[in-house]
Amino acid sequence: MSIEAAREFRSFVKGSAKLEQAVGKLLDEYGLLNIQETIKLGAQYGYTFNETDIEAIFANDNEELTDFEQEMISAGLPINSSSGATEMS
């Protein structure tokens, strides 16, 4: 598992409107991003990462956000992880 794989998957998603839509569908009725399903989606494309890796890239990454990511953050949408919801920052 690696933060680098999570970053690479994030870049991969940024390059595809279809994948951005797929990630958007991983939001539940409360607007929480389902981390486990995001991990599974990444695995379908050969990226292996875990919950901690995803949280780390949003917390520590200075890379420019996509419009989709900016909308999620500006709306204050938390990430739904197996241990509960975590605010994205």
PDB file of N, CA and C in Angstrom:
ATOM      1  N   MET A   1       0.852  -1.163   0.000  1.00  0.00           N
ATOM      2  CA  MET A   1       0.000   0.000   0.000  1.00  0.00           C
ATOM      3  C   MET A   1       0.903   1.232   0.000  1.00  0.00           C
ATOM      4  N   SER A   2       0.430   2.245  -0.683  1.00  0.00           N
ATOM      5  CA  SER A   2       1.308   3.396  -0.694  1.00  0.00           C
ATOM      6  C   SER A   2       0.577   4.686  -0.998  1.00  0.00           C
ATOM      7  N   ILE A   3       1.094   5.731  -0.397  1.00  0.00           N
ATOM      8  CA  ILE A   3       0.570   7.063  -0.671  1.00  0.00           C
ATOM      9  C   ILE A   3       0.823   7.391  -2.138  1.00  0.00           C
ATOM     10  N   GLU A   4       1.959   6.956  -2.650  1.00  0.00           N
ATOM     11  CA  GLU A   4       2.281   7.236  -4.055  1.00  0.00           C
ATOM     12  C   GLU A   4       1.249   6.607  -4.992  1.00  0.00           C
ATOM     13  N   ALA A   5       0.810   5.392  -4.703  1.00  0.00           N
ATOM     14  CA  ALA A   5      -0.211   4.741  -5.527  1.00  0.00           C
ATOM     15  C   ALA A   5      -1.523   5.520  -5.460  1.00  0.00           C
ATOM     16  N   ALA A   6      -1.862   6.029  -4.277  1.00  0.00           N
ATOM     17  CA  ALA A   6      -3.078   6.829  -4.131  1.00  0.00           C
ATOM     18  C   ALA A   6      -2.960   8.120  -4.941  1.00  0.00           C
ATOM     19  N   ARG A   7      -1.788   8.749  -4.911  1.00  0.00           N
ATOM     20  CA  ARG A   7      -1.571   9.966  -5.714  1.00  0.00           C
ATOM     21  C   ARG A   7      -1.674   9.664  -7.209  1.00  0.00           C
ATOM     22  N   GLU A   8      -1.078   8.553  -7.608  1.00  0.00           N
ATOM     23  CA  GLU A   8      -1.135   8.169  -9.017  1.00  0.00           C
ATOM     24  C   GLU A   8      -2.571   7.899  -9.454  1.00  0.00           C
ATOM     25  N   PHE A   9      -3.340   7.235  -8.597  1.00  0.00           N
ATOM     26  CA  PHE A   9      -4.743   6.976  -8.922  1.00  0.00           C
ATOM     27  C   PHE A   9      -5.505   8.294  -9.018  1.00  0.00           C
ATOM     28  N   ARG A  10      -5.233   9.213  -8.103  1.00  0.00           N
ATOM     29  CA  ARG A  10      -5.878  10.521  -8.133  1.00  0.00           C
ATOM     30  C   ARG A  10      -5.585  11.215  -9.467  1.00  0.00           C
ATOM     31  N   SER A  11      -4.353  11.192  -9.916  1.00  0.00           N
ATOM     32  CA  SER A  11      -3.983  11.790 -11.205  1.00  0.00           C
ATOM     33  C   SER A  11      -4.675  11.069 -12.353  1.00  0.00           C
ATOM     34  N   PHE A  12      -4.753   9.761 -12.249  1.00  0.00           N
ATOM     35  CA  PHE A  12      -5.433   8.952 -13.260  1.00  0.00           C
ATOM     36  C   PHE A  12      -6.905   9.356 -13.361  1.00  0.00           C
ATOM     37  N   VAL A  13      -7.550   9.537 -12.213  1.00  0.00           N
ATOM     38  CA  VAL A  13      -8.954   9.941 -12.182  1.00  0.00           C
ATOM     39  C   VAL A  13      -9.121  11.338 -12.774  1.00  0.00           C
ATOM     40  N   LYS A  14      -8.200  12.241 -12.436  1.00  0.00           N
ATOM     41  CA  LYS A  14      -8.263  13.608 -12.965  1.00  0.00           C
ATOM     42  C   LYS A  14      -8.250  13.638 -14.483  1.00  0.00           C
ATOM     43  N   GLY A  15      -7.630  12.661 -15.094  1.00  0.00           N
ATOM     44  CA  GLY A  15      -7.520  12.616 -16.544  1.00  0.00           C
ATOM     45  C   GLY A  15      -8.736  12.022 -17.234  1.00  0.00           C
ATOM     46  N   SER A  16      -9.751  11.675 -16.468  1.00  0.00           N
ATOM     47  CA  SER A  16     -10.907  11.005 -17.056  1.00  0.00           C
ATOM     48  C   SER A  16     -12.211  11.491 -16.432  1.00  0.00           C
ATOM     49  N   ALA A  17     -13.029  12.152 -17.236  1.00  0.00           N
ATOM     50  CA  ALA A  17     -14.340  12.596 -16.746  1.00  0.00           C
ATOM     51  C   ALA A  17     -15.178  11.391 -16.317  1.00  0.00           C
ATOM     52  N   LYS A  18     -15.023  10.281 -17.033  1.00  0.00           N
ATOM     53  CA  LYS A  18     -15.770   9.062 -16.706  1.00  0.00           C
ATOM     54  C   LYS A  18     -15.396   8.558 -15.304  1.00  0.00           C
ATOM     55  N   LEU A  19     -14.098   8.560 -14.993  1.00  0.00           N
ATOM     56  CA  LEU A  19     -13.672   8.111 -13.658  1.00  0.00           C
ATOM     57  C   LEU A  19     -14.065   9.110 -12.581  1.00  0.00           C
ATOM     58  N   GLU A  20     -14.029  10.408 -12.879  1.00  0.00           N
ATOM     59  CA  GLU A  20     -14.494  11.391 -11.899  1.00  0.00           C
ATOM     60  C   GLU A  20     -15.962  11.140 -11.573  1.00  0.00           C
ATOM     61  N   GLN A  21     -16.749  10.809 -12.585  1.00  0.00           N
ATOM     62  CA  GLN A  21     -18.158  10.481 -12.347  1.00  0.00           C
ATOM     63  C   GLN A  21     -18.285   9.223 -11.498  1.00  0.00           C
ATOM     64  N   ALA A  22     -17.431   8.241 -11.764  1.00  0.00           N
ATOM     65  CA  ALA A  22     -17.464   6.991 -10.992  1.00  0.00           C
ATOM     66  C   ALA A  22     -17.155   7.266  -9.529  1.00  0.00           C
ATOM     67  N   VAL A  23     -16.167   8.118  -9.269  1.00  0.00           N
ATOM     68  CA  VAL A  23     -15.840   8.473  -7.885  1.00  0.00           C
ATOM     69  C   VAL A  23     -16.999   9.258  -7.269  1.00  0.00           C
ATOM     70  N   GLY A  24     -17.611  10.140  -8.045  1.00  0.00           N
ATOM     71  CA  GLY A  24     -18.765  10.896  -7.556  1.00  0.00           C
ATOM     72  C   GLY A  24     -19.906   9.994  -7.124  1.00  0.00           C
ATOM     73  N   LYS A  25     -20.035   8.857  -7.787  1.00  0.00           N
ATOM     74  CA  LYS A  25     -21.081   7.896  -7.435  1.00  0.00           C
ATOM     75  C   LYS A  25     -20.770   7.158  -6.135  1.00  0.00           C
ATOM     76  N   LEU A  26     -19.550   7.314  -5.640  1.00  0.00           N
ATOM     77  CA  LEU A  26     -19.165   6.664  -4.387  1.00  0.00           C
ATOM     78  C   LEU A  26     -19.558   7.490  -3.169  1.00  0.00           C
ATOM     79  N   LEU A  27     -20.224   8.620  -3.410  1.00  0.00           N
ATOM     80  CA  LEU A  27     -20.746   9.424  -2.299  1.00  0.00           C
ATOM     81  C   LEU A  27     -22.059   8.805  -1.851  1.00  0.00           C
ATOM     82  N   ASP A  28     -22.246   8.690  -0.550  1.00  0.00           N
ATOM     83  CA  ASP A  28     -23.503   8.133  -0.061  1.00  0.00           C
ATOM     84  C   ASP A  28     -24.545   9.239   0.066  1.00  0.00           C
ATOM     85  N   GLU A  29     -25.701   8.904   0.612  1.00  0.00           N
ATOM     86  CA  GLU A  29     -26.808   9.859   0.719  1.00  0.00           C
ATOM     87  C   GLU A  29     -26.486  11.048   1.620  1.00  0.00           C
ATOM     88  N   TYR A  30     -25.432  10.948   2.402  1.00  0.00           N
ATOM     89  CA  TYR A  30     -25.025  12.045   3.278  1.00  0.00           C
ATOM     90  C   TYR A  30     -23.860  12.843   2.697  1.00  0.00           C
ATOM     91  N   GLY A  31     -23.445  12.485   1.490  1.00  0.00           N
ATOM     92  CA  GLY A  31     -22.324  13.175   0.857  1.00  0.00           C
ATOM     93  C   GLY A  31     -20.969  12.687   1.335  1.00  0.00           C
ATOM     94  N   LEU A  32     -20.925  11.521   1.940  1.00  0.00           N
ATOM     95  CA  LEU A  32     -19.671  10.947   2.431  1.00  0.00           C
ATOM     96  C   LEU A  32     -19.046  10.075   1.355  1.00  0.00           C
ATOM     97  N   LEU A  33     -17.744  10.240   1.133  1.00  0.00           N
ATOM     98  CA  LEU A  33     -17.034   9.419   0.168  1.00  0.00           C
ATOM     99  C   LEU A  33     -16.742   8.061   0.795  1.00  0.00           C
ATOM    100  N   ASN A  34     -17.170   7.011   0.136  1.00  0.00           N
ATOM    101  CA  ASN A  34     -16.951   5.659   0.631  1.00  0.00           C
ATOM    102  C   ASN A  34     -15.522   5.233   0.303  1.00  0.00           C
ATOM    103  N   ILE A  35     -14.688   5.239   1.312  1.00  0.00           N
ATOM    104  CA  ILE A  35     -13.270   4.932   1.142  1.00  0.00           C
ATOM    105  C   ILE A  35     -13.059   3.501   0.641  1.00  0.00           C
ATOM    106  N   GLN A  36     -13.763   2.550   1.220  1.00  0.00           N
ATOM    107  CA  GLN A  36     -13.554   1.150   0.832  1.00  0.00           C
ATOM    108  C   GLN A  36     -13.880   0.933  -0.640  1.00  0.00           C
ATOM    109  N   GLU A  37     -14.939   1.568  -1.127  1.00  0.00           N
ATOM    110  CA  GLU A  37     -15.291   1.447  -2.544  1.00  0.00           C
ATOM    111  C   GLU A  37     -14.283   2.177  -3.426  1.00  0.00           C
ATOM    112  N   THR A  38     -13.720   3.275  -2.930  1.00  0.00           N
ATOM    113  CA  THR A  38     -12.679   3.995  -3.669  1.00  0.00           C
ATOM    114  C   THR A  38     -11.436   3.117  -3.787  1.00  0.00           C
ATOM    115  N   ILE A  39     -11.099   2.422  -2.718  1.00  0.00           N
ATOM    116  CA  ILE A  39      -9.956   1.498  -2.733  1.00  0.00           C
ATOM    117  C   ILE A  39     -10.206   0.384  -3.753  1.00  0.00           C
ATOM    118  N   LYS A  40     -11.434  -0.150  -3.786  1.00  0.00           N
ATOM    119  CA  LYS A  40     -11.776  -1.198  -4.747  1.00  0.00           C
ATOM    120  C   LYS A  40     -11.698  -0.679  -6.180  1.00  0.00           C
ATOM    121  N   LEU A  41     -12.183   0.544  -6.407  1.00  0.00           N
ATOM    122  CA  LEU A  41     -12.119   1.136  -7.737  1.00  0.00           C
ATOM    123  C   LEU A  41     -10.665   1.286  -8.178  1.00  0.00           C
ATOM    124  N   GLY A  42      -9.829   1.772  -7.277  1.00  0.00           N
ATOM    125  CA  GLY A  42      -8.408   1.891  -7.589  1.00  0.00           C
ATOM    126  C   GLY A  42      -7.799   0.547  -7.943  1.00  0.00           C
ATOM    127  N   ALA A  43      -8.160  -0.479  -7.189  1.00  0.00           N
ATOM    128  CA  ALA A  43      -7.619  -1.822  -7.429  1.00  0.00           C
ATOM    129  C   ALA A  43      -8.014  -2.349  -8.804  1.00  0.00           C
ATOM    130  N   GLN A  44      -9.222  -1.977  -9.265  1.00  0.00           N
ATOM    131  CA  GLN A  44      -9.659  -2.409 -10.598  1.00  0.00           C
ATOM    132  C   GLN A  44      -8.732  -1.882 -11.688  1.00  0.00           C
ATOM    133  N   TYR A  45      -8.061  -0.779 -11.397  1.00  0.00           N
ATOM    134  CA  TYR A  45      -7.148  -0.177 -12.363  1.00  0.00           C
ATOM    135  C   TYR A  45      -5.679  -0.403 -11.991  1.00  0.00           C
ATOM    136  N   GLY A  46      -5.429  -1.301 -11.021  1.00  0.00           N
ATOM    137  CA  GLY A  46      -4.071  -1.681 -10.678  1.00  0.00           C
ATOM    138  C   GLY A  46      -3.390  -0.824  -9.624  1.00  0.00           C
ATOM    139  N   TYR A  47      -4.148  -0.005  -8.895  1.00  0.00           N
ATOM    140  CA  TYR A  47      -3.577   0.860  -7.861  1.00  0.00           C
ATOM    141  C   TYR A  47      -3.907   0.266  -6.498  1.00  0.00           C
ATOM    142  N   THR A  48      -2.882   0.060  -5.676  1.00  0.00           N
ATOM    143  CA  THR A  48      -3.062  -0.516  -4.348  1.00  0.00           C
ATOM    144  C   THR A  48      -2.725   0.524  -3.290  1.00  0.00           C
ATOM    145  N   PHE A  49      -3.732   0.913  -2.515  1.00  0.00           N
ATOM    146  CA  PHE A  49      -3.571   1.890  -1.443  1.00  0.00           C
ATOM    147  C   PHE A  49      -4.628   1.617  -0.390  1.00  0.00           C
ATOM    148  N   ASN A  50      -4.492   2.279   0.761  1.00  0.00           N
ATOM    149  CA  ASN A  50      -5.439   2.049   1.845  1.00  0.00           C
ATOM    150  C   ASN A  50      -6.062   3.373   2.303  1.00  0.00           C
ATOM    151  N   GLU A  51      -6.882   3.286   3.314  1.00  0.00           N
ATOM    152  CA  GLU A  51      -7.601   4.435   3.861  1.00  0.00           C
ATOM    153  C   GLU A  51      -6.653   5.549   4.306  1.00  0.00           C
ATOM    154  N   THR A  52      -5.607   5.174   4.995  1.00  0.00           N
ATOM    155  CA  THR A  52      -4.636   6.153   5.492  1.00  0.00           C
ATOM    156  C   THR A  52      -3.965   6.889   4.334  1.00  0.00           C
ATOM    157  N   ASP A  53      -3.683   6.169   3.256  1.00  0.00           N
ATOM    158  CA  ASP A  53      -3.064   6.789   2.080  1.00  0.00           C
ATOM    159  C   ASP A  53      -3.979   7.840   1.463  1.00  0.00           C
ATOM    160  N   ILE A  54      -5.252   7.523   1.340  1.00  0.00           N
ATOM    161  CA  ILE A  54      -6.219   8.476   0.764  1.00  0.00           C
ATOM    162  C   ILE A  54      -6.316   9.720   1.638  1.00  0.00           C
ATOM    163  N   GLU A  55      -6.460   9.513   2.930  1.00  0.00           N
ATOM    164  CA  GLU A  55      -6.563  10.664   3.838  1.00  0.00           C
ATOM    165  C   GLU A  55      -5.305  11.518   3.778  1.00  0.00           C
ATOM    166  N   ALA A  56      -4.144  10.888   3.649  1.00  0.00           N
ATOM    167  CA  ALA A  56      -2.876  11.619   3.613  1.00  0.00           C
ATOM    168  C   ALA A  56      -2.762  12.495   2.374  1.00  0.00           C
ATOM    169  N   ILE A  57      -3.205  12.002   1.220  1.00  0.00           N
ATOM    170  CA  ILE A  57      -3.053  12.827   0.021  1.00  0.00           C
ATOM    171  C   ILE A  57      -3.942  14.055   0.058  1.00  0.00           C
ATOM    172  N   PHE A  58      -5.101  13.950   0.698  1.00  0.00           N
ATOM    173  CA  PHE A  58      -5.960  15.130   0.814  1.00  0.00           C
ATOM    174  C   PHE A  58      -5.470  16.080   1.903  1.00  0.00           C
ATOM    175  N   ALA A  59      -4.865  15.547   2.938  1.00  0.00           N
ATOM    176  CA  ALA A  59      -4.409  16.380   4.051  1.00  0.00           C
ATOM    177  C   ALA A  59      -3.076  17.063   3.762  1.00  0.00           C
ATOM    178  N   ASN A  60      -2.196  16.408   2.992  1.00  0.00           N
ATOM    179  CA  ASN A  60      -0.827  16.896   2.840  1.00  0.00           C
ATOM    180  C   ASN A  60      -0.421  17.253   1.418  1.00  0.00           C
ATOM    181  N   ASP A  61      -1.320  17.126   0.474  1.00  0.00           N
ATOM    182  CA  ASP A  61      -0.945  17.334  -0.917  1.00  0.00           C
ATOM    183  C   ASP A  61      -1.230  18.761  -1.353  1.00  0.00           C
ATOM    184  N   ASN A  62      -0.257  19.392  -1.969  1.00  0.00           N
ATOM    185  CA  ASN A  62      -0.413  20.753  -2.465  1.00  0.00           C
ATOM    186  C   ASN A  62      -0.753  20.783  -3.947  1.00  0.00           C
ATOM    187  N   GLU A  63      -0.998  19.621  -4.537  1.00  0.00           N
ATOM    188  CA  GLU A  63      -1.344  19.544  -5.953  1.00  0.00           C
ATOM    189  C   GLU A  63      -2.672  20.259  -6.196  1.00  0.00           C
ATOM    190  N   GLU A  64      -2.810  20.858  -7.352  1.00  0.00           N
ATOM    191  CA  GLU A  64      -4.031  21.581  -7.688  1.00  0.00           C
ATOM    192  C   GLU A  64      -5.211  20.614  -7.698  1.00  0.00           C
ATOM    193  N   LEU A  65      -6.314  21.046  -7.090  1.00  0.00           N
ATOM    194  CA  LEU A  65      -7.503  20.214  -7.014  1.00  0.00           C
ATOM    195  C   LEU A  65      -8.328  20.347  -8.284  1.00  0.00           C
ATOM    196  N   THR A  66      -9.024  19.270  -8.626  1.00  0.00           N
ATOM    197  CA  THR A  66      -9.959  19.334  -9.744  1.00  0.00           C
ATOM    198  C   THR A  66     -11.201  20.092  -9.291  1.00  0.00           C
ATOM    199  N   ASP A  67     -12.023  20.493 -10.248  1.00  0.00           N
ATOM    200  CA  ASP A  67     -13.282  21.153  -9.909  1.00  0.00           C
ATOM    201  C   ASP A  67     -14.118  20.262  -9.002  1.00  0.00           C
ATOM    202  N   PHE A  68     -14.140  18.964  -9.295  1.00  0.00           N
ATOM    203  CA  PHE A  68     -14.895  18.014  -8.496  1.00  0.00           C
ATOM    204  C   PHE A  68     -14.390  17.994  -7.056  1.00  0.00           C
ATOM    205  N   GLU A  69     -13.065  17.933  -6.878  1.00  0.00           N
ATOM    206  CA  GLU A  69     -12.487  17.908  -5.534  1.00  0.00           C
ATOM    207  C   GLU A  69     -12.760  19.219  -4.809  1.00  0.00           C
ATOM    208  N   GLN A  70     -12.665  20.352  -5.526  1.00  0.00           N
ATOM    209  CA  GLN A  70     -12.935  21.643  -4.909  1.00  0.00           C
ATOM    210  C   GLN A  70     -14.386  21.733  -4.440  1.00  0.00           C
ATOM    211  N   GLU A  71     -15.303  21.209  -5.239  1.00  0.00           N
ATOM    212  CA  GLU A  71     -16.713  21.207  -4.841  1.00  0.00           C
ATOM    213  C   GLU A  71     -16.919  20.383  -3.577  1.00  0.00           C
ATOM    214  N   MET A  72     -16.259  19.223  -3.510  1.00  0.00           N
ATOM    215  CA  MET A  72     -16.401  18.363  -2.331  1.00  0.00           C
ATOM    216  C   MET A  72     -15.870  19.064  -1.089  1.00  0.00           C
ATOM    217  N   ILE A  73     -14.705  19.682  -1.218  1.00  0.00           N
ATOM    218  CA  ILE A  73     -14.086  20.329  -0.063  1.00  0.00           C
ATOM    219  C   ILE A  73     -14.855  21.580   0.344  1.00  0.00           C
ATOM    220  N   SER A  74     -15.253  22.388  -0.630  1.00  0.00           N
ATOM    221  CA  SER A  74     -15.964  23.619  -0.289  1.00  0.00           C
ATOM    222  C   SER A  74     -17.313  23.328   0.351  1.00  0.00           C
ATOM    223  N   ALA A  75     -17.873  22.173   0.025  1.00  0.00           N
ATOM    224  CA  ALA A  75     -19.130  21.777   0.652  1.00  0.00           C
ATOM    225  C   ALA A  75     -18.894  21.169   2.027  1.00  0.00           C
ATOM    226  N   GLY A  76     -17.623  20.982   2.381  1.00  0.00           N
ATOM    227  CA  GLY A  76     -17.281  20.412   3.688  1.00  0.00           C
ATOM    228  C   GLY A  76     -17.607  18.940   3.785  1.00  0.00           C
ATOM    229  N   LEU A  77     -17.550  18.240   2.652  1.00  0.00           N
ATOM    230  CA  LEU A  77     -17.906  16.831   2.666  1.00  0.00           C
ATOM    231  C   LEU A  77     -16.815  16.001   3.316  1.00  0.00           C
ATOM    232  N   PRO A  78     -17.182  15.222   4.313  1.00  0.00           N
ATOM    233  CA  PRO A  78     -16.207  14.348   4.972  1.00  0.00           C
ATOM    234  C   PRO A  78     -15.999  13.072   4.174  1.00  0.00           C
ATOM    235  N   ILE A  79     -14.987  12.321   4.548  1.00  0.00           N
ATOM    236  CA  ILE A  79     -14.709  11.034   3.937  1.00  0.00           C
ATOM    237  C   ILE A  79     -15.277   9.956   4.851  1.00  0.00           C
ATOM    238  N   ASN A  80     -16.008   9.009   4.291  1.00  0.00           N
ATOM    239  CA  ASN A  80     -16.585   7.919   5.055  1.00  0.00           C
ATOM    240  C   ASN A  80     -15.589   6.768   5.074  1.00  0.00           C
ATOM    241  N   SER A  81     -14.996   6.531   6.220  1.00  0.00           N
ATOM    242  CA  SER A  81     -14.050   5.430   6.347  1.00  0.00           C
ATOM    243  C   SER A  81     -14.635   4.359   7.249  1.00  0.00           C
ATOM    244  N   SER A  82     -13.961   3.246   7.336  1.00  0.00           N
ATOM    245  CA  SER A  82     -14.460   2.154   8.164  1.00  0.00           C
ATOM    246  C   SER A  82     -14.529   2.541   9.635  1.00  0.00           C
ATOM    247  N   SER A  83     -13.755   3.562  10.019  1.00  0.00           N
ATOM    248  CA  SER A  83     -13.752   3.974  11.427  1.00  0.00           C
ATOM    249  C   SER A  83     -14.628   5.200  11.661  1.00  0.00           C
ATOM    250  N   GLY A  84     -15.394   5.603  10.683  1.00  0.00           N
ATOM    251  CA  GLY A  84     -16.251   6.779  10.827  1.00  0.00           C
ATOM    252  C   GLY A  84     -15.915   7.820   9.778  1.00  0.00           C
ATOM    253  N   ALA A  85     -16.531   8.963   9.863  1.00  0.00           N
ATOM    254  CA  ALA A  85     -16.324  10.023   8.881  1.00  0.00           C
ATOM    255  C   ALA A  85     -15.204  10.938   9.323  1.00  0.00           C
ATOM    256  N   THR A  86     -14.439  11.376   8.355  1.00  0.00           N
ATOM    257  CA  THR A  86     -13.328  12.267   8.606  1.00  0.00           C
ATOM    258  C   THR A  86     -13.467  13.469   7.694  1.00  0.00           C
ATOM    259  N   GLU A  87     -13.349  14.675   8.226  1.00  0.00           N
ATOM    260  CA  GLU A  87     -13.414  15.870   7.409  1.00  0.00           C
ATOM    261  C   GLU A  87     -12.204  15.920   6.496  1.00  0.00           C
ATOM    262  N   MET A  88     -12.430  16.266   5.239  1.00  0.00           N
ATOM    263  CA  MET A  88     -11.314  16.468   4.325  1.00  0.00           C
ATOM    264  C   MET A  88     -10.838  17.893   4.506  1.00  0.00           C
ATOM    265  N   SER A  89      -9.530  18.104   4.443  1.00  0.00           N
ATOM    266  CA  SER A  89      -9.019  19.471   4.569  1.00  0.00           C
ATOM    267  C   SER A  89      -8.069  19.780   3.462  1.00  0.00           C
TER     268      SER A  89
END
